[in-house]
Amino acid sequence: MWWVSMRPVSELLKGYPRVIELPLEWGDMDAFQHVNNAVYFRWFESARIAYFQDVGLLELMESTGVGPILASTECRFRIPLTYPDTISVGARVPQIGDDRFVMEYLILGHASGKVAANGTGLIVTFDYRDGGKAPLPGDLRERLLAFEGEVGNQPGPMPGRS
């Protein structure tokens, strides 16, 4: 099984230019004695926003009105996480299109040293002033490519899109 690994967390997160570390909270647990599934999406969101801050997307949005909107997201749960533990969440952008990009996430449990979940999010660029979809700003494309290039990723085109 590909998610079972004894490799160090840092090695498993190679290729993810943004990694955040978070403690599991007791309140993250549910009645089934593991972290509630909805919490994983909060962790994806935290990594996504940290990534956006790193590439200056939030400042770009403030100055132009064009910013990200989450169009869809999904998660593949691999192993349950339980309190106490610490997790690392990696975020990267493997695909960039004309008006959207895909983010991939990886959640690793430190206690197990294993992949607990992986997921994706489709981010569409949205003009918040006009209230509609907008082309991906060229400056943002360059920032994403540069940020991904720092770890050796080369984002490819969107399937079925340019």
N, C-alpha and C. Protein backbone atom coordinates (compact mmCIF):
# COMPACT_ATOMS: atom_id res chain seq x y z
N MET A 1 0.84 -1.18 0.00
CA MET A 1 0.00 0.00 0.00
C MET A 1 0.89 1.24 0.00
N TRP A 2 0.61 2.16 -0.92
CA TRP A 2 1.51 3.29 -1.11
C TRP A 2 1.53 4.25 0.06
N TRP A 3 0.49 4.30 0.86
CA TRP A 3 0.46 5.28 1.94
C TRP A 3 1.19 4.80 3.19
N VAL A 4 1.56 3.55 3.24
CA VAL A 4 2.31 3.05 4.39
C VAL A 4 3.78 3.35 4.15
N SER A 5 4.38 4.09 5.05
CA SER A 5 5.76 4.48 4.86
C SER A 5 6.44 4.70 6.18
N MET A 6 7.70 4.37 6.22
CA MET A 6 8.49 4.68 7.40
C MET A 6 9.50 5.79 7.08
N ARG A 7 9.34 6.42 5.91
CA ARG A 7 10.22 7.51 5.53
C ARG A 7 9.93 8.73 6.41
N PRO A 8 10.94 9.58 6.63
CA PRO A 8 10.69 10.79 7.42
C PRO A 8 9.64 11.69 6.76
N VAL A 9 8.93 12.42 7.59
CA VAL A 9 7.88 13.33 7.11
C VAL A 9 8.43 14.28 6.05
N SER A 10 9.63 14.82 6.27
CA SER A 10 10.20 15.78 5.32
C SER A 10 10.40 15.15 3.94
N GLU A 11 10.76 13.88 3.90
CA GLU A 11 10.96 13.21 2.62
C GLU A 11 9.63 12.97 1.92
N LEU A 12 8.60 12.62 2.67
CA LEU A 12 7.28 12.38 2.08
C LEU A 12 6.69 13.67 1.51
N LEU A 13 7.10 14.81 2.04
CA LEU A 13 6.55 16.10 1.60
C LEU A 13 7.43 16.80 0.58
N LYS A 14 8.46 16.12 0.07
CA LYS A 14 9.25 16.70 -1.01
C LYS A 14 8.32 16.97 -2.19
N GLY A 15 8.50 18.08 -2.84
CA GLY A 15 7.63 18.42 -3.96
C GLY A 15 6.43 19.26 -3.55
N TYR A 16 6.27 19.50 -2.26
CA TYR A 16 5.21 20.38 -1.76
C TYR A 16 5.89 21.66 -1.26
N PRO A 17 5.77 22.76 -2.00
CA PRO A 17 6.48 23.97 -1.61
C PRO A 17 5.96 24.63 -0.33
N ARG A 18 4.73 24.31 0.06
CA ARG A 18 4.20 24.88 1.30
C ARG A 18 3.76 23.75 2.21
N VAL A 19 4.32 23.73 3.41
CA VAL A 19 3.97 22.72 4.41
C VAL A 19 3.69 23.45 5.71
N ILE A 20 2.56 23.11 6.32
CA ILE A 20 2.24 23.65 7.63
C ILE A 20 2.19 22.48 8.62
N GLU A 21 2.44 22.77 9.87
CA GLU A 21 2.38 21.76 10.92
C GLU A 21 1.33 22.20 11.93
N LEU A 22 0.48 21.26 12.31
CA LEU A 22 -0.62 21.56 13.23
C LEU A 22 -0.75 20.46 14.28
N PRO A 23 -1.07 20.84 15.51
CA PRO A 23 -1.36 19.81 16.52
C PRO A 23 -2.80 19.35 16.36
N LEU A 24 -3.06 18.07 16.58
CA LEU A 24 -4.44 17.61 16.66
C LEU A 24 -5.01 18.12 17.96
N GLU A 25 -6.24 18.57 17.92
CA GLU A 25 -6.93 19.05 19.10
C GLU A 25 -7.92 17.98 19.56
N TRP A 26 -8.15 17.90 20.85
CA TRP A 26 -9.11 16.93 21.37
C TRP A 26 -10.47 17.12 20.69
N GLY A 27 -10.84 18.37 20.44
CA GLY A 27 -12.13 18.68 19.83
C GLY A 27 -12.23 18.27 18.36
N ASP A 28 -11.10 17.89 17.74
CA ASP A 28 -11.13 17.40 16.36
C ASP A 28 -11.71 15.98 16.27
N MET A 29 -11.74 15.29 17.41
CA MET A 29 -12.20 13.90 17.45
C MET A 29 -13.73 13.83 17.38
N ASP A 30 -14.23 12.72 16.89
CA ASP A 30 -15.68 12.53 16.86
C ASP A 30 -16.08 11.31 17.69
N ALA A 31 -17.32 10.95 17.65
CA ALA A 31 -17.83 9.85 18.47
C ALA A 31 -17.23 8.50 18.08
N PHE A 32 -16.61 8.42 16.91
CA PHE A 32 -16.00 7.17 16.46
C PHE A 32 -14.53 7.08 16.84
N GLN A 33 -14.09 7.98 17.71
CA GLN A 33 -12.76 7.99 18.32
C GLN A 33 -11.62 8.20 17.32
N HIS A 34 -11.89 9.01 16.30
CA HIS A 34 -10.84 9.47 15.38
C HIS A 34 -11.21 10.87 14.92
N VAL A 35 -10.29 11.54 14.25
CA VAL A 35 -10.55 12.90 13.78
C VAL A 35 -11.73 12.88 12.81
N ASN A 36 -12.66 13.79 13.01
CA ASN A 36 -13.84 13.90 12.16
C ASN A 36 -13.42 14.26 10.73
N ASN A 37 -14.09 13.67 9.77
CA ASN A 37 -13.74 13.87 8.36
C ASN A 37 -13.77 15.34 7.94
N ALA A 38 -14.68 16.12 8.48
CA ALA A 38 -14.79 17.53 8.10
C ALA A 38 -13.54 18.32 8.48
N VAL A 39 -12.83 17.89 9.50
CA VAL A 39 -11.63 18.59 9.96
C VAL A 39 -10.54 18.58 8.89
N TYR A 40 -10.46 17.52 8.11
CA TYR A 40 -9.45 17.42 7.06
C TYR A 40 -9.59 18.58 6.06
N PHE A 41 -10.83 18.95 5.77
CA PHE A 41 -11.05 20.06 4.84
C PHE A 41 -10.61 21.39 5.43
N ARG A 42 -10.74 21.55 6.75
CA ARG A 42 -10.21 22.75 7.41
C ARG A 42 -8.69 22.77 7.28
N TRP A 43 -8.05 21.63 7.43
CA TRP A 43 -6.59 21.56 7.30
C TRP A 43 -6.17 21.88 5.87
N PHE A 44 -6.91 21.37 4.87
CA PHE A 44 -6.62 21.73 3.48
C PHE A 44 -6.73 23.25 3.31
N GLU A 45 -7.78 23.83 3.88
CA GLU A 45 -7.99 25.27 3.76
C GLU A 45 -6.83 26.05 4.39
N SER A 46 -6.36 25.61 5.55
CA SER A 46 -5.25 26.29 6.21
C SER A 46 -3.99 26.24 5.35
N ALA A 47 -3.71 25.09 4.74
CA ALA A 47 -2.53 24.98 3.87
C ALA A 47 -2.72 25.82 2.61
N ARG A 48 -3.95 25.85 2.07
CA ARG A 48 -4.24 26.64 0.87
C ARG A 48 -4.01 28.13 1.13
N ILE A 49 -4.51 28.62 2.25
CA ILE A 49 -4.35 30.05 2.57
C ILE A 49 -2.88 30.38 2.82
N ALA A 50 -2.14 29.51 3.48
CA ALA A 50 -0.70 29.73 3.69
C ALA A 50 0.01 29.79 2.34
N TYR A 51 -0.35 28.92 1.43
CA TYR A 51 0.22 28.93 0.08
C TYR A 51 -0.10 30.26 -0.62
N PHE A 52 -1.38 30.68 -0.54
CA PHE A 52 -1.79 31.94 -1.16
C PHE A 52 -0.99 33.12 -0.60
N GLN A 53 -0.76 33.11 0.70
CA GLN A 53 0.04 34.18 1.31
C GLN A 53 1.47 34.15 0.78
N ASP A 54 2.04 32.96 0.64
CA ASP A 54 3.41 32.83 0.15
C ASP A 54 3.59 33.40 -1.25
N VAL A 55 2.59 33.22 -2.12
CA VAL A 55 2.72 33.71 -3.50
C VAL A 55 2.15 35.11 -3.67
N GLY A 56 1.69 35.74 -2.59
CA GLY A 56 1.17 37.11 -2.66
C GLY A 56 -0.20 37.21 -3.29
N LEU A 57 -0.95 36.11 -3.30
CA LEU A 57 -2.26 36.11 -3.93
C LEU A 57 -3.26 37.00 -3.21
N LEU A 58 -3.18 37.06 -1.91
CA LEU A 58 -4.14 37.88 -1.16
C LEU A 58 -3.91 39.37 -1.41
N GLU A 59 -2.64 39.79 -1.53
CA GLU A 59 -2.35 41.19 -1.86
C GLU A 59 -2.80 41.51 -3.28
N LEU A 60 -2.57 40.57 -4.20
CA LEU A 60 -3.01 40.75 -5.58
C LEU A 60 -4.52 40.92 -5.63
N MET A 61 -5.22 40.13 -4.84
CA MET A 61 -6.68 40.23 -4.79
C MET A 61 -7.12 41.59 -4.27
N GLU A 62 -6.43 42.06 -3.25
CA GLU A 62 -6.78 43.36 -2.68
C GLU A 62 -6.60 44.48 -3.69
N SER A 63 -5.54 44.42 -4.51
CA SER A 63 -5.27 45.50 -5.45
C SER A 63 -6.07 45.40 -6.75
N THR A 64 -6.44 44.18 -7.18
CA THR A 64 -7.12 44.02 -8.47
C THR A 64 -8.58 43.60 -8.35
N GLY A 65 -8.95 43.04 -7.21
CA GLY A 65 -10.30 42.50 -7.07
C GLY A 65 -10.42 41.08 -7.58
N VAL A 66 -9.37 40.56 -8.22
CA VAL A 66 -9.37 39.19 -8.75
C VAL A 66 -8.67 38.29 -7.75
N GLY A 67 -9.37 37.23 -7.37
CA GLY A 67 -8.80 36.32 -6.38
C GLY A 67 -9.32 34.92 -6.54
N PRO A 68 -8.99 34.06 -5.61
CA PRO A 68 -9.36 32.66 -5.72
C PRO A 68 -10.76 32.38 -5.16
N ILE A 69 -11.40 31.40 -5.75
CA ILE A 69 -12.63 30.86 -5.18
C ILE A 69 -12.55 29.34 -5.37
N LEU A 70 -12.90 28.63 -4.33
CA LEU A 70 -12.84 27.18 -4.37
C LEU A 70 -14.07 26.65 -5.12
N ALA A 71 -13.84 26.00 -6.26
CA ALA A 71 -14.95 25.47 -7.07
C ALA A 71 -15.33 24.07 -6.64
N SER A 72 -14.34 23.26 -6.28
CA SER A 72 -14.63 21.90 -5.81
C SER A 72 -13.44 21.39 -5.01
N THR A 73 -13.70 20.41 -4.19
CA THR A 73 -12.63 19.81 -3.39
C THR A 73 -13.00 18.36 -3.09
N GLU A 74 -11.97 17.57 -2.87
CA GLU A 74 -12.20 16.18 -2.50
C GLU A 74 -11.07 15.69 -1.62
N CYS A 75 -11.36 14.62 -0.90
CA CYS A 75 -10.39 14.06 0.03
C CYS A 75 -10.46 12.54 -0.02
N ARG A 76 -9.31 11.92 -0.02
CA ARG A 76 -9.21 10.46 0.08
C ARG A 76 -8.61 10.16 1.45
N PHE A 77 -9.41 9.60 2.32
CA PHE A 77 -8.97 9.28 3.67
C PHE A 77 -8.22 7.96 3.64
N ARG A 78 -7.01 7.96 4.19
CA ARG A 78 -6.15 6.77 4.12
C ARG A 78 -6.11 6.00 5.45
N ILE A 79 -5.79 6.70 6.52
CA ILE A 79 -5.76 6.08 7.84
C ILE A 79 -6.38 7.05 8.84
N PRO A 80 -7.00 6.55 9.89
CA PRO A 80 -7.57 7.47 10.89
C PRO A 80 -6.48 8.10 11.74
N LEU A 81 -6.72 9.33 12.12
CA LEU A 81 -5.83 10.04 13.04
C LEU A 81 -6.52 10.15 14.38
N THR A 82 -5.75 10.08 15.44
CA THR A 82 -6.31 10.18 16.79
C THR A 82 -5.43 11.10 17.64
N TYR A 83 -6.07 11.70 18.62
CA TYR A 83 -5.39 12.56 19.58
C TYR A 83 -4.62 11.68 20.57
N PRO A 84 -3.43 12.05 20.97
CA PRO A 84 -2.63 13.21 20.57
C PRO A 84 -1.77 12.89 19.36
N ASP A 85 -1.53 13.87 18.54
CA ASP A 85 -0.66 13.73 17.38
C ASP A 85 -0.40 15.13 16.82
N THR A 86 0.53 15.19 15.92
CA THR A 86 0.82 16.39 15.15
C THR A 86 0.77 15.97 13.69
N ILE A 87 0.30 16.87 12.85
CA ILE A 87 0.25 16.57 11.42
C ILE A 87 1.04 17.61 10.65
N SER A 88 1.46 17.21 9.46
CA SER A 88 1.99 18.13 8.47
C SER A 88 1.06 18.07 7.27
N VAL A 89 0.77 19.25 6.72
CA VAL A 89 -0.10 19.35 5.54
C VAL A 89 0.69 20.05 4.45
N GLY A 90 0.88 19.35 3.33
CA GLY A 90 1.58 19.92 2.19
C GLY A 90 0.59 20.40 1.15
N ALA A 91 0.96 21.47 0.44
CA ALA A 91 0.13 22.00 -0.65
C ALA A 91 1.02 22.31 -1.84
N ARG A 92 0.50 21.98 -3.02
CA ARG A 92 1.22 22.30 -4.26
C ARG A 92 0.21 22.51 -5.38
N VAL A 93 0.71 23.07 -6.50
CA VAL A 93 -0.13 23.34 -7.67
C VAL A 93 0.47 22.58 -8.85
N PRO A 94 -0.11 21.43 -9.21
CA PRO A 94 0.42 20.65 -10.31
C PRO A 94 -0.14 21.00 -11.69
N GLN A 95 -1.24 21.77 -11.73
CA GLN A 95 -1.87 22.11 -13.00
C GLN A 95 -2.36 23.54 -12.97
N ILE A 96 -2.09 24.26 -14.08
CA ILE A 96 -2.52 25.66 -14.20
C ILE A 96 -3.22 25.81 -15.54
N GLY A 97 -4.41 26.43 -15.51
CA GLY A 97 -5.16 26.70 -16.73
C GLY A 97 -5.31 28.18 -16.97
N ASP A 98 -6.18 28.54 -17.88
CA ASP A 98 -6.41 29.95 -18.24
C ASP A 98 -7.13 30.73 -17.15
N ASP A 99 -8.01 30.05 -16.40
CA ASP A 99 -8.80 30.73 -15.39
C ASP A 99 -8.92 29.91 -14.11
N ARG A 100 -8.01 28.93 -13.95
CA ARG A 100 -8.10 28.03 -12.80
C ARG A 100 -6.78 27.31 -12.58
N PHE A 101 -6.68 26.72 -11.41
CA PHE A 101 -5.55 25.83 -11.14
C PHE A 101 -5.98 24.80 -10.11
N VAL A 102 -5.27 23.69 -10.11
CA VAL A 102 -5.55 22.60 -9.19
C VAL A 102 -4.53 22.66 -8.06
N MET A 103 -4.99 22.47 -6.84
CA MET A 103 -4.10 22.31 -5.70
C MET A 103 -4.20 20.87 -5.23
N GLU A 104 -3.06 20.32 -4.85
CA GLU A 104 -3.02 18.99 -4.25
C GLU A 104 -2.54 19.13 -2.81
N TYR A 105 -3.11 18.29 -1.95
CA TYR A 105 -2.78 18.32 -0.53
C TYR A 105 -2.35 16.93 -0.08
N LEU A 106 -1.49 16.89 0.92
CA LEU A 106 -1.07 15.65 1.53
C LEU A 106 -1.02 15.87 3.03
N ILE A 107 -1.69 15.01 3.80
CA ILE A 107 -1.68 15.11 5.26
C ILE A 107 -0.94 13.90 5.81
N LEU A 108 0.06 14.19 6.64
CA LEU A 108 0.87 13.14 7.26
C LEU A 108 0.72 13.18 8.76
N GLY A 109 0.49 12.03 9.37
CA GLY A 109 0.47 11.92 10.83
C GLY A 109 1.88 11.67 11.33
N HIS A 110 2.34 12.45 12.28
CA HIS A 110 3.70 12.28 12.80
C HIS A 110 3.84 11.02 13.63
N ALA A 111 2.80 10.67 14.40
CA ALA A 111 2.90 9.48 15.25
C ALA A 111 3.08 8.21 14.43
N SER A 112 2.38 8.13 13.31
CA SER A 112 2.46 6.94 12.46
C SER A 112 3.54 7.05 11.39
N GLY A 113 3.87 8.30 11.00
CA GLY A 113 4.78 8.50 9.88
C GLY A 113 4.16 8.12 8.56
N LYS A 114 2.82 8.10 8.51
CA LYS A 114 2.11 7.66 7.32
C LYS A 114 1.22 8.77 6.74
N VAL A 115 0.89 8.59 5.47
CA VAL A 115 -0.06 9.49 4.81
C VAL A 115 -1.45 9.18 5.38
N ALA A 116 -2.06 10.18 5.98
CA ALA A 116 -3.39 10.01 6.55
C ALA A 116 -4.48 10.35 5.53
N ALA A 117 -4.18 11.27 4.62
CA ALA A 117 -5.16 11.66 3.60
C ALA A 117 -4.45 12.44 2.50
N ASN A 118 -5.06 12.43 1.35
CA ASN A 118 -4.62 13.30 0.26
C ASN A 118 -5.87 13.83 -0.42
N GLY A 119 -5.72 14.97 -1.07
CA GLY A 119 -6.89 15.57 -1.69
C GLY A 119 -6.53 16.59 -2.73
N THR A 120 -7.56 17.14 -3.35
CA THR A 120 -7.38 18.17 -4.36
C THR A 120 -8.42 19.26 -4.16
N GLY A 121 -8.13 20.39 -4.73
CA GLY A 121 -9.07 21.50 -4.78
C GLY A 121 -8.94 22.18 -6.13
N LEU A 122 -10.06 22.49 -6.75
CA LEU A 122 -10.06 23.25 -7.99
C LEU A 122 -10.31 24.71 -7.62
N ILE A 123 -9.34 25.54 -7.94
CA ILE A 123 -9.42 26.97 -7.62
C ILE A 123 -9.65 27.74 -8.92
N VAL A 124 -10.71 28.51 -8.95
CA VAL A 124 -11.04 29.34 -10.12
C VAL A 124 -10.74 30.79 -9.75
N THR A 125 -10.20 31.55 -10.70
CA THR A 125 -9.98 32.97 -10.43
C THR A 125 -11.29 33.71 -10.69
N PHE A 126 -11.62 34.54 -9.72
CA PHE A 126 -12.93 35.18 -9.66
C PHE A 126 -12.74 36.67 -9.47
N ASP A 127 -13.48 37.47 -10.23
CA ASP A 127 -13.45 38.92 -10.07
C ASP A 127 -14.52 39.30 -9.05
N TYR A 128 -14.08 39.60 -7.85
CA TYR A 128 -15.01 39.91 -6.75
C TYR A 128 -15.69 41.27 -6.93
N ARG A 129 -15.13 42.13 -7.75
CA ARG A 129 -15.76 43.44 -7.99
C ARG A 129 -16.90 43.31 -9.01
N ASP A 130 -16.68 42.48 -10.05
CA ASP A 130 -17.69 42.30 -11.09
C ASP A 130 -18.59 41.10 -10.84
N GLY A 131 -18.17 40.20 -9.93
CA GLY A 131 -19.00 39.06 -9.58
C GLY A 131 -18.99 37.93 -10.59
N GLY A 132 -17.86 37.70 -11.25
CA GLY A 132 -17.79 36.61 -12.23
C GLY A 132 -16.40 36.05 -12.38
N LYS A 133 -16.32 34.96 -13.09
CA LYS A 133 -15.04 34.32 -13.37
C LYS A 133 -14.13 35.28 -14.13
N ALA A 134 -12.82 35.17 -13.88
CA ALA A 134 -11.85 36.05 -14.51
C ALA A 134 -10.66 35.22 -15.01
N PRO A 135 -9.97 35.73 -16.02
CA PRO A 135 -8.75 35.03 -16.45
C PRO A 135 -7.71 35.04 -15.33
N LEU A 136 -6.88 34.02 -15.30
CA LEU A 136 -5.79 33.96 -14.34
C LEU A 136 -4.81 35.08 -14.67
N PRO A 137 -4.57 36.01 -13.73
CA PRO A 137 -3.63 37.09 -14.02
C PRO A 137 -2.23 36.54 -14.34
N GLY A 138 -1.60 37.13 -15.36
CA GLY A 138 -0.27 36.69 -15.76
C GLY A 138 0.73 36.74 -14.62
N ASP A 139 0.61 37.76 -13.79
CA ASP A 139 1.51 37.89 -12.64
C ASP A 139 1.33 36.72 -11.69
N LEU A 140 0.10 36.28 -11.49
CA LEU A 140 -0.16 35.16 -10.60
C LEU A 140 0.41 33.87 -11.20
N ARG A 141 0.22 33.67 -12.49
CA ARG A 141 0.79 32.49 -13.16
C ARG A 141 2.30 32.43 -12.92
N GLU A 142 2.97 33.56 -13.11
CA GLU A 142 4.42 33.63 -12.91
C GLU A 142 4.80 33.32 -11.47
N ARG A 143 4.04 33.85 -10.52
CA ARG A 143 4.31 33.58 -9.11
C ARG A 143 4.13 32.11 -8.77
N LEU A 144 3.07 31.49 -9.29
CA LEU A 144 2.83 30.07 -9.04
C LEU A 144 3.96 29.23 -9.62
N LEU A 145 4.34 29.52 -10.86
CA LEU A 145 5.41 28.76 -11.50
C LEU A 145 6.73 28.92 -10.75
N ALA A 146 7.02 30.15 -10.32
CA ALA A 146 8.27 30.40 -9.58
C ALA A 146 8.25 29.66 -8.24
N PHE A 147 7.14 29.72 -7.54
CA PHE A 147 7.03 29.07 -6.23
C PHE A 147 7.15 27.56 -6.37
N GLU A 148 6.48 26.98 -7.35
CA GLU A 148 6.57 25.55 -7.59
C GLU A 148 7.97 25.17 -8.06
N GLY A 149 8.59 26.04 -8.85
CA GLY A 149 9.94 25.77 -9.34
C GLY A 149 10.98 25.68 -8.24
N GLU A 150 10.68 26.30 -7.10
CA GLU A 150 11.62 26.25 -5.97
C GLU A 150 11.80 24.84 -5.44
N VAL A 151 10.84 23.96 -5.68
CA VAL A 151 10.96 22.57 -5.21
C VAL A 151 11.04 21.60 -6.38
N GLY A 152 11.19 22.12 -7.58
CA GLY A 152 11.37 21.26 -8.74
C GLY A 152 10.10 20.82 -9.43
N ASN A 153 8.95 21.33 -9.02
CA ASN A 153 7.70 20.98 -9.69
C ASN A 153 7.56 21.81 -10.96
N GLN A 154 7.00 21.22 -11.98
CA GLN A 154 6.70 21.93 -13.20
C GLN A 154 5.22 21.73 -13.49
N PRO A 155 4.37 22.66 -13.03
CA PRO A 155 2.94 22.47 -13.25
C PRO A 155 2.61 22.30 -14.73
N GLY A 156 1.71 21.39 -15.01
CA GLY A 156 1.29 21.13 -16.39
C GLY A 156 -0.05 21.76 -16.67
N PRO A 157 -0.47 21.68 -17.91
CA PRO A 157 -1.77 22.25 -18.29
C PRO A 157 -2.91 21.45 -17.70
N MET A 158 -4.06 22.09 -17.61
CA MET A 158 -5.26 21.42 -17.13
C MET A 158 -5.72 20.42 -18.18
N PRO A 159 -6.16 19.26 -17.77
CA PRO A 159 -6.69 18.31 -18.76
C PRO A 159 -7.89 18.92 -19.46
N GLY A 160 -7.87 18.90 -20.78
CA GLY A 160 -8.99 19.42 -21.54
C GLY A 160 -9.07 20.95 -21.55
N ARG A 161 -8.08 21.60 -20.98
CA ARG A 161 -8.06 23.07 -20.92
C ARG A 161 -6.66 23.53 -21.26
N SER A 162 -6.53 24.80 -21.62
CA SER A 162 -5.19 25.35 -21.86
C SER A 162 -4.68 26.03 -20.62
